[in-house]
Amino acid sequence: MKPASHHVTRCRRCTAPIVWCLTSANGRRQPVNAAPDEEGNVAVSSGADGVLYVRTVTAARPDIRPGEWRAMPHHATCTSPPPRRSSAPTPRAVRGVRPVPWQR
C-alpha cells in the first residue's frame, strides 16, 4: 500500500519524497520515506481522521496488520542530514570587566 498523493511532500534538504506521520507512542511528528520498503523498521497506517500514524516494528509486534505498510524513517536515509549538535556547553562570552569590586 502506498500513501495518498496529498500526503507526499519533499524533504527540504535532499528533496526526496516523504510523508509526515504522527507516532502512535507519543504523537510527535516523524518524517518517513514515501516509498514502501521491506527493510524498513516502521509500519505506517492511515487513521480514520485521515492522518498517517507510524509505529515501530519490534520483536514483540513484528507483523504488519492489514492497511499498514512497512517503511523506513527518513532520518536513516537522508543524503543531506542536518548538522549534529554538540552536547558540550559553549563557552560563555566575556562582555566586559566590572571596574570596581562589589560593595556591601
C-alpha atoms as a PDB file:
ATOM      1  CA  MET A   1       0.000   0.000   0.000  1.00  0.00           C
ATOM      2  CA  LYS A   2       1.255   3.479  -0.818  1.00  0.00           C
ATOM      3  CA  PRO A   3       0.309   6.797   0.781  1.00  0.00           C
ATOM      4  CA  ALA A   4      -2.191   9.071  -0.921  1.00  0.00           C
ATOM      5  CA  SER A   5      -0.640  11.729  -3.147  1.00  0.00           C
ATOM      6  CA  HIS A   6      -1.860  14.590  -0.926  1.00  0.00           C
ATOM      7  CA  HIS A   7       0.284  13.247   1.954  1.00  0.00           C
ATOM      8  CA  VAL A   8       3.530  13.189  -0.054  1.00  0.00           C
ATOM      9  CA  THR A   9       5.891  16.169   0.310  1.00  0.00           C
ATOM     10  CA  ARG A  10       9.602  16.694  -0.347  1.00  0.00           C
ATOM     11  CA  CYS A  11      12.470  16.819   2.131  1.00  0.00           C
ATOM     12  CA  ARG A  12      13.875  20.357   2.352  1.00  0.00           C
ATOM     13  CA  ARG A  13      17.453  19.108   2.374  1.00  0.00           C
ATOM     14  CA  CYS A  14      17.604  16.223  -0.139  1.00  0.00           C
ATOM     15  CA  THR A  15      14.254  16.682  -1.985  1.00  0.00           C
ATOM     16  CA  ALA A  16      13.328  13.007  -1.547  1.00  0.00           C
ATOM     17  CA  PRO A  17       9.587  12.220  -1.353  1.00  0.00           C
ATOM     18  CA  ILE A  18       8.483  11.836   2.277  1.00  0.00           C
ATOM     19  CA  VAL A  19       5.287  11.697   4.311  1.00  0.00           C
ATOM     20  CA  TRP A  20       4.820  13.202   7.766  1.00  0.00           C
ATOM     21  CA  CYS A  21       3.306  10.835  10.317  1.00  0.00           C
ATOM     22  CA  LEU A  22       2.346  11.011  13.959  1.00  0.00           C
ATOM     23  CA  THR A  23       3.968   8.440  16.205  1.00  0.00           C
ATOM     24  CA  SER A  24       1.497   6.181  17.944  1.00  0.00           C
ATOM     25  CA  ALA A  25       3.621   6.211  21.123  1.00  0.00           C
ATOM     26  CA  ASN A  26       3.616   9.947  21.871  1.00  0.00           C
ATOM     27  CA  GLY A  27       2.008  11.809  18.968  1.00  0.00           C
ATOM     28  CA  ARG A  28       5.179  13.501  17.717  1.00  0.00           C
ATOM     29  CA  ARG A  29       5.763  14.162  14.017  1.00  0.00           C
ATOM     30  CA  GLN A  30       8.168  11.869  12.170  1.00  0.00           C
ATOM     31  CA  PRO A  31       9.236  12.012   8.512  1.00  0.00           C
ATOM     32  CA  VAL A  32       9.027   8.655   6.734  1.00  0.00           C
ATOM     33  CA  ASN A  33      10.093   7.759   3.196  1.00  0.00           C
ATOM     34  CA  ALA A  34       7.036   7.729   0.949  1.00  0.00           C
ATOM     35  CA  ALA A  35       8.011   4.540  -0.871  1.00  0.00           C
ATOM     36  CA  PRO A  36       7.273   1.252   0.917  1.00  0.00           C
ATOM     37  CA  ASP A  37      10.440  -0.595   1.962  1.00  0.00           C
ATOM     38  CA  GLU A  38      10.616  -4.247   3.021  1.00  0.00           C
ATOM     39  CA  GLU A  39      13.769  -3.480   5.042  1.00  0.00           C
ATOM     40  CA  GLY A  40      12.040  -0.669   6.971  1.00  0.00           C
ATOM     41  CA  ASN A  41      11.523  -0.795  10.710  1.00  0.00           C
ATOM     42  CA  VAL A  42       8.278   1.192  10.979  1.00  0.00           C
ATOM     43  CA  ALA A  43       4.691   0.431   9.986  1.00  0.00           C
ATOM     44  CA  VAL A  44       2.574   3.279   8.607  1.00  0.00           C
ATOM     45  CA  SER A  45      -1.226   3.317   8.613  1.00  0.00           C
ATOM     46  CA  SER A  46      -3.910   5.835   7.786  1.00  0.00           C
ATOM     47  CA  GLY A  47      -6.242   6.671  10.639  1.00  0.00           C
ATOM     48  CA  ALA A  48      -9.975   7.265  10.422  1.00  0.00           C
ATOM     49  CA  ASP A  49      -9.288  11.005  10.656  1.00  0.00           C
ATOM     50  CA  GLY A  50      -7.103  10.897   7.505  1.00  0.00           C
ATOM     51  CA  VAL A  51      -3.840  11.357   9.401  1.00  0.00           C
ATOM     52  CA  LEU A  52      -0.933   8.962   8.888  1.00  0.00           C
ATOM     53  CA  TYR A  53       0.281   7.151  12.000  1.00  0.00           C
ATOM     54  CA  VAL A  54       3.562   5.310  12.431  1.00  0.00           C
ATOM     55  CA  ARG A  55       4.653   2.632  14.893  1.00  0.00           C
ATOM     56  CA  THR A  56       7.924   0.822  15.348  1.00  0.00           C
ATOM     57  CA  VAL A  57       8.104  -2.786  14.187  1.00  0.00           C
ATOM     58  CA  THR A  58       9.556  -4.657  17.171  1.00  0.00           C
ATOM     59  CA  ALA A  59      10.287  -8.252  18.061  1.00  0.00           C
ATOM     60  CA  ALA A  60       7.154  -8.238  20.214  1.00  0.00           C
ATOM     61  CA  ARG A  61       4.980  -6.985  17.314  1.00  0.00           C
ATOM     62  CA  PRO A  62       6.763  -7.876  14.056  1.00  0.00           C
ATOM     63  CA  ASP A  63       3.649  -8.457  11.963  1.00  0.00           C
ATOM     64  CA  ILE A  64       2.237  -5.911   9.562  1.00  0.00           C
ATOM     65  CA  ARG A  65      -1.508  -5.539  10.010  1.00  0.00           C
ATOM     66  CA  PRO A  66      -3.985  -5.095   7.145  1.00  0.00           C
ATOM     67  CA  GLY A  67      -3.978  -1.477   5.991  1.00  0.00           C
ATOM     68  CA  GLU A  68      -0.365  -0.879   7.086  1.00  0.00           C
ATOM     69  CA  TRP A  69       2.785  -0.770   5.014  1.00  0.00           C
ATOM     70  CA  ARG A  70       6.412  -1.137   6.049  1.00  0.00           C
ATOM     71  CA  ALA A  71       8.607   1.924   5.520  1.00  0.00           C
ATOM     72  CA  MET A  72      11.945   3.438   6.518  1.00  0.00           C
ATOM     73  CA  PRO A  73      12.269   6.567   8.690  1.00  0.00           C
ATOM     74  CA  HIS A  74      13.663   9.375   6.542  1.00  0.00           C
ATOM     75  CA  HIS A  75      16.308  10.297   9.122  1.00  0.00           C
ATOM     76  CA  ALA A  76      18.014   6.975   8.363  1.00  0.00           C
ATOM     77  CA  THR A  77      18.267   7.579   4.610  1.00  0.00           C
ATOM     78  CA  CYS A  78      18.521  11.370   4.135  1.00  0.00           C
ATOM     79  CA  THR A  79      21.549  12.215   1.987  1.00  0.00           C
ATOM     80  CA  SER A  80      21.837  15.728   3.485  1.00  0.00           C
ATOM     81  CA  PRO A  81      21.101  15.371   7.200  1.00  0.00           C
ATOM     82  CA  PRO A  82      21.182  18.457   9.415  1.00  0.00           C
ATOM     83  CA  PRO A  83      24.466  19.127  11.198  1.00  0.00           C
ATOM     84  CA  ARG A  84      24.860  17.326  14.506  1.00  0.00           C
ATOM     85  CA  ARG A  85      24.591  19.425  17.621  1.00  0.00           C
ATOM     86  CA  SER A  86      27.375  19.209  20.120  1.00  0.00           C
ATOM     87  CA  SER A  87      26.417  18.171  23.627  1.00  0.00           C
ATOM     88  CA  ALA A  88      29.336  20.150  25.074  1.00  0.00           C
ATOM     89  CA  PRO A  89      28.365  23.531  26.505  1.00  0.00           C
ATOM     90  CA  THR A  90      29.558  26.552  24.581  1.00  0.00           C
ATOM     91  CA  PRO A  91      31.990  28.856  26.348  1.00  0.00           C
ATOM     92  CA  ARG A  92      30.374  31.969  27.724  1.00  0.00           C
ATOM     93  CA  ALA A  93      31.426  35.209  26.101  1.00  0.00           C
ATOM     94  CA  VAL A  94      33.058  37.828  28.320  1.00  0.00           C
ATOM     95  CA  ARG A  95      31.248  41.102  27.786  1.00  0.00           C
ATOM     96  CA  GLY A  96      33.319  43.404  29.920  1.00  0.00           C
ATOM     97  CA  VAL A  97      35.099  43.853  33.208  1.00  0.00           C
ATOM     98  CA  ARG A  98      33.487  45.302  36.311  1.00  0.00           C
ATOM     99  CA  PRO A  99      35.504  48.432  37.106  1.00  0.00           C
ATOM    100  CA  VAL A 100      35.065  48.303  40.879  1.00  0.00           C
ATOM    101  CA  PRO A 101      34.621  45.411  43.298  1.00  0.00           C
ATOM    102  CA  TRP A 102      31.279  44.630  44.858  1.00  0.00           C
ATOM    103  CA  GLN A 103      30.495  46.704  47.893  1.00  0.00           C
ATOM    104  CA  ARG A 104      28.457  45.568  50.821  1.00  0.00           C
END
